[in-house]
Amino acid sequence: MVILLTIGIFFVLSFSKDEIHIFQNTYYNPFLDYFFQYVTYLGDYHVLLPIVFISAFIKWRYFLGFVLVGLLSICAIVVLKYHVFIDHPRPPQYFAQIHELRLIEGVEILTNNSFPSGHTTSAFAFYALMAFFLNTKKLKLALFITAALVGYSRIYLSQHFLIDVLVGSILGTSLAFIAYWIVMKAKRPILDKGLIQSLSKD
């Protein structure tokens, strides 16, 4: 995670977003076209919401954590996209009169509200929080790789610039840490029970 973040910051500071995106847009193949069309959905709320409901059957602490990080993510994305960084053009609109991008057939082309990447923010918020809850290093690594793939998919599909994804990953991870800290501070014993345990009689 730190290595990827460092590389991302290096590129953002060393090259313009035009150069970075045009360079990335020249490297592709049919398998990656197909792969990233579906990987990007791992940052969509249609995929993330089931995680919230399933977590209620494991521990209420997990459930509250995912609800909290979801609400924080939605608030942060809405405020930043629609009130602070208004109408930042996405790559297809930004390059419309400058450079002809290679776009993937079947992918819906969005034009505005590029900064920051909502999918990346959501993916890092949920998968980082899940990683914080887990004790297995391999699963933690797999979750951060999943979030990183979602982020890269947004660039590959020309839905976002690198800077959008980089900030989204930092924002999402930060929100996950805040949510984790809050729910872990709560000491009520019922939070360590799941839905079925809470309903069953001793």
Protein backbone atom coordinates (compact mmCIF):
# COMPACT_ATOMS: atom_id res chain seq x y z
CA MET A 1 0.00 0.00 0.00
CA VAL A 2 2.74 2.46 1.02
CA ILE A 3 4.82 1.51 -2.02
CA LEU A 4 1.90 2.07 -4.42
CA LEU A 5 1.06 5.35 -2.74
CA THR A 6 4.68 6.50 -3.01
CA ILE A 7 4.81 5.58 -6.71
CA GLY A 8 1.52 7.39 -7.33
CA ILE A 9 2.72 10.55 -5.58
CA PHE A 10 5.98 10.42 -7.55
CA PHE A 11 4.12 10.30 -10.88
CA VAL A 12 1.68 13.05 -9.88
CA LEU A 13 4.53 15.34 -8.83
CA SER A 14 6.75 14.50 -11.81
CA PHE A 15 4.31 14.55 -14.74
CA SER A 16 1.15 16.38 -15.76
CA LYS A 17 -2.15 14.53 -15.56
CA ASP A 18 -2.33 14.77 -19.38
CA GLU A 19 0.99 12.95 -19.80
CA ILE A 20 0.15 10.28 -17.23
CA HIS A 21 -3.26 9.49 -18.68
CA ILE A 22 -2.20 9.45 -22.32
CA PHE A 23 0.75 7.20 -21.43
CA GLN A 24 -1.49 4.77 -19.53
CA ASN A 25 -4.12 4.84 -22.28
CA THR A 26 -1.64 3.42 -24.79
CA TYR A 27 -1.14 0.18 -22.84
CA TYR A 28 -4.04 -2.24 -23.15
CA ASN A 29 -5.15 -5.67 -24.32
CA PRO A 30 -8.52 -7.45 -24.72
CA PHE A 31 -8.15 -9.41 -21.49
CA LEU A 32 -7.55 -6.26 -19.42
CA ASP A 33 -10.45 -4.53 -21.18
CA TYR A 34 -12.74 -7.34 -20.02
CA PHE A 35 -11.11 -7.72 -16.58
CA PHE A 36 -11.27 -4.07 -15.52
CA GLN A 37 -14.85 -3.61 -16.76
CA TYR A 38 -15.92 -5.99 -14.00
CA VAL A 39 -13.28 -5.28 -11.34
CA THR A 40 -14.49 -1.68 -11.22
CA TYR A 41 -17.86 -2.90 -9.83
CA LEU A 42 -16.08 -4.02 -6.65
CA GLY A 43 -16.14 -0.36 -5.66
CA ASP A 44 -19.85 -0.01 -6.36
CA TYR A 45 -22.45 0.07 -3.58
CA HIS A 46 -24.34 -2.80 -5.21
CA VAL A 47 -21.37 -4.97 -4.19
CA LEU A 48 -20.45 -3.20 -0.95
CA LEU A 49 -23.94 -3.13 0.61
CA PRO A 50 -24.14 -6.95 0.94
CA ILE A 51 -20.91 -6.77 2.98
CA VAL A 52 -22.73 -4.51 5.44
CA PHE A 53 -25.66 -6.91 5.85
CA ILE A 54 -23.49 -10.03 6.11
CA SER A 55 -21.34 -8.38 8.78
CA ALA A 56 -24.41 -8.08 11.05
CA PHE A 57 -24.47 -11.88 11.34
CA ILE A 58 -20.83 -11.94 12.45
CA LYS A 59 -20.51 -9.02 14.88
CA TRP A 60 -22.53 -5.88 15.49
CA ARG A 61 -19.20 -4.08 15.84
CA TYR A 62 -18.37 -4.92 12.22
CA PHE A 63 -21.86 -3.92 11.09
CA LEU A 64 -21.66 -0.53 12.81
CA GLY A 65 -18.17 -0.01 11.39
CA PHE A 66 -19.31 -0.62 7.82
CA VAL A 67 -22.43 1.53 8.27
CA LEU A 68 -20.31 4.34 9.69
CA VAL A 69 -17.64 4.15 6.99
CA GLY A 70 -20.36 4.03 4.34
CA LEU A 71 -22.01 7.18 5.67
CA LEU A 72 -18.66 8.95 6.00
CA SER A 73 -17.77 7.99 2.42
CA ILE A 74 -21.06 9.21 1.00
CA CYS A 75 -20.80 12.54 2.86
CA ALA A 76 -17.17 13.07 1.85
CA ILE A 77 -17.79 12.20 -1.82
CA VAL A 78 -20.90 14.39 -2.11
CA VAL A 79 -19.24 17.39 -0.43
CA LEU A 80 -16.00 17.14 -2.41
CA LYS A 81 -17.49 16.28 -5.81
CA TYR A 82 -20.53 18.53 -5.81
CA HIS A 83 -19.65 21.42 -3.50
CA VAL A 84 -15.87 21.85 -3.40
CA PHE A 85 -14.44 20.55 -6.69
CA ILE A 86 -17.44 21.27 -8.88
CA ASP A 87 -17.60 20.04 -12.47
CA HIS A 88 -14.03 18.79 -12.73
CA PRO A 89 -14.01 17.15 -16.19
CA ARG A 90 -13.30 13.44 -16.53
CA PRO A 91 -10.75 12.26 -19.13
CA PRO A 92 -13.14 11.90 -22.12
CA GLN A 93 -14.41 15.47 -21.73
CA TYR A 94 -11.02 16.88 -20.75
CA PHE A 95 -9.33 15.42 -23.86
CA ALA A 96 -12.27 15.97 -26.22
CA GLN A 97 -10.51 18.70 -28.20
CA ILE A 98 -6.95 17.68 -27.35
CA HIS A 99 -6.40 13.96 -27.83
CA GLU A 100 -8.47 11.01 -28.97
CA LEU A 101 -8.56 8.53 -26.12
CA ARG A 102 -9.02 4.83 -26.60
CA LEU A 103 -12.34 4.05 -24.90
CA ILE A 104 -13.74 0.59 -24.23
CA GLU A 105 -16.97 -0.36 -25.93
CA GLY A 106 -19.84 -0.95 -23.53
CA VAL A 107 -18.44 1.25 -20.75
CA GLU A 108 -20.68 4.20 -19.88
CA ILE A 109 -18.76 7.41 -20.50
CA LEU A 110 -19.09 9.93 -17.69
CA THR A 111 -18.01 13.52 -18.20
CA ASN A 112 -18.01 15.57 -14.97
CA ASN A 113 -17.30 15.37 -11.23
CA SER A 114 -14.00 13.61 -11.64
CA PHE A 115 -12.29 14.60 -8.37
CA PRO A 116 -11.96 12.55 -6.24
CA SER A 117 -12.83 9.06 -7.49
CA GLY A 118 -15.95 7.85 -5.69
CA HIS A 119 -15.40 4.18 -6.54
CA THR A 120 -11.83 4.34 -5.25
CA THR A 121 -12.86 6.12 -2.07
CA SER A 122 -15.58 3.54 -1.39
CA ALA A 123 -13.36 0.57 -2.22
CA PHE A 124 -10.54 1.69 0.07
CA ALA A 125 -12.97 2.69 2.82
CA PHE A 126 -14.69 -0.72 2.90
CA TYR A 127 -11.77 -3.04 2.11
CA ALA A 128 -9.35 -1.17 4.37
CA LEU A 129 -11.86 -1.35 7.24
CA MET A 130 -12.29 -5.06 6.59
CA ALA A 131 -8.50 -5.44 6.64
CA PHE A 132 -8.32 -3.59 9.97
CA PHE A 133 -10.84 -6.03 11.45
CA LEU A 134 -8.92 -9.10 10.26
CA ASN A 135 -5.76 -10.58 11.78
CA THR A 136 -4.51 -12.55 8.77
CA LYS A 137 -1.76 -10.72 6.87
CA LYS A 138 -2.49 -12.52 3.60
CA LEU A 139 -6.16 -11.49 3.71
CA LYS A 140 -5.20 -7.92 4.59
CA LEU A 141 -2.87 -7.82 1.58
CA ALA A 142 -5.54 -9.35 -0.69
CA LEU A 143 -8.06 -6.70 0.39
CA PHE A 144 -5.69 -3.80 -0.26
CA ILE A 145 -4.78 -5.29 -3.65
CA THR A 146 -8.49 -5.52 -4.46
CA ALA A 147 -8.98 -1.85 -3.55
CA ALA A 148 -5.93 -0.89 -5.62
CA LEU A 149 -7.28 -2.80 -8.63
CA VAL A 150 -10.57 -0.94 -8.34
CA GLY A 151 -8.63 2.31 -8.30
CA TYR A 152 -6.55 1.38 -11.33
CA SER A 153 -9.67 0.22 -13.18
CA ARG A 154 -11.03 3.77 -12.97
CA ILE A 155 -7.92 5.04 -14.77
CA TYR A 156 -7.83 2.16 -17.26
CA LEU A 157 -11.47 2.78 -18.21
CA SER A 158 -10.74 6.52 -18.57
CA GLN A 159 -13.25 7.40 -15.88
CA HIS A 160 -10.64 9.20 -13.75
CA PHE A 161 -7.16 10.66 -13.69
CA LEU A 162 -4.41 9.28 -11.45
CA ILE A 163 -4.74 12.22 -9.04
CA ASP A 164 -8.47 11.44 -8.59
CA VAL A 165 -7.68 7.84 -7.68
CA LEU A 166 -4.70 8.71 -5.49
CA VAL A 167 -6.71 11.16 -3.38
CA GLY A 168 -9.65 8.71 -3.29
CA SER A 169 -7.40 5.96 -1.90
CA ILE A 170 -6.00 8.23 0.82
CA LEU A 171 -9.46 9.54 1.69
CA GLY A 172 -11.02 6.07 1.80
CA THR A 173 -8.25 4.61 3.97
CA SER A 174 -8.46 7.59 6.33
CA LEU A 175 -12.22 7.18 6.71
CA ALA A 176 -11.73 3.46 7.37
CA PHE A 177 -9.26 4.25 10.16
CA ILE A 178 -11.66 6.77 11.72
CA ALA A 179 -14.55 4.29 11.63
CA TYR A 180 -12.34 1.51 13.03
CA TRP A 181 -11.12 3.72 15.88
CA ILE A 182 -14.66 4.75 16.82
CA VAL A 183 -16.20 1.26 16.85
CA MET A 184 -13.25 -0.32 18.63
CA LYS A 185 -13.51 2.28 21.41
CA ALA A 186 -17.03 1.05 22.22
CA LYS A 187 -16.90 -1.55 25.01
CA ARG A 188 -20.48 -2.87 25.08
CA PRO A 189 -20.37 -6.72 25.11
CA ILE A 190 -23.30 -7.03 22.69
CA LEU A 191 -21.17 -5.49 19.95
CA ASP A 192 -19.09 -8.67 19.86
CA LYS A 193 -22.17 -10.76 19.14
CA GLY A 194 -23.86 -11.22 15.80
CA LEU A 195 -27.53 -10.98 14.92
CA ILE A 196 -28.31 -14.65 15.58
CA GLN A 197 -26.38 -14.69 18.87
CA SER A 198 -28.21 -11.56 20.01
CA LEU A 199 -31.61 -13.15 19.33
CA SER A 200 -30.85 -16.55 20.85
CA LYS A 201 -31.50 -17.29 24.52
CA ASP A 202 -28.64 -18.21 26.83
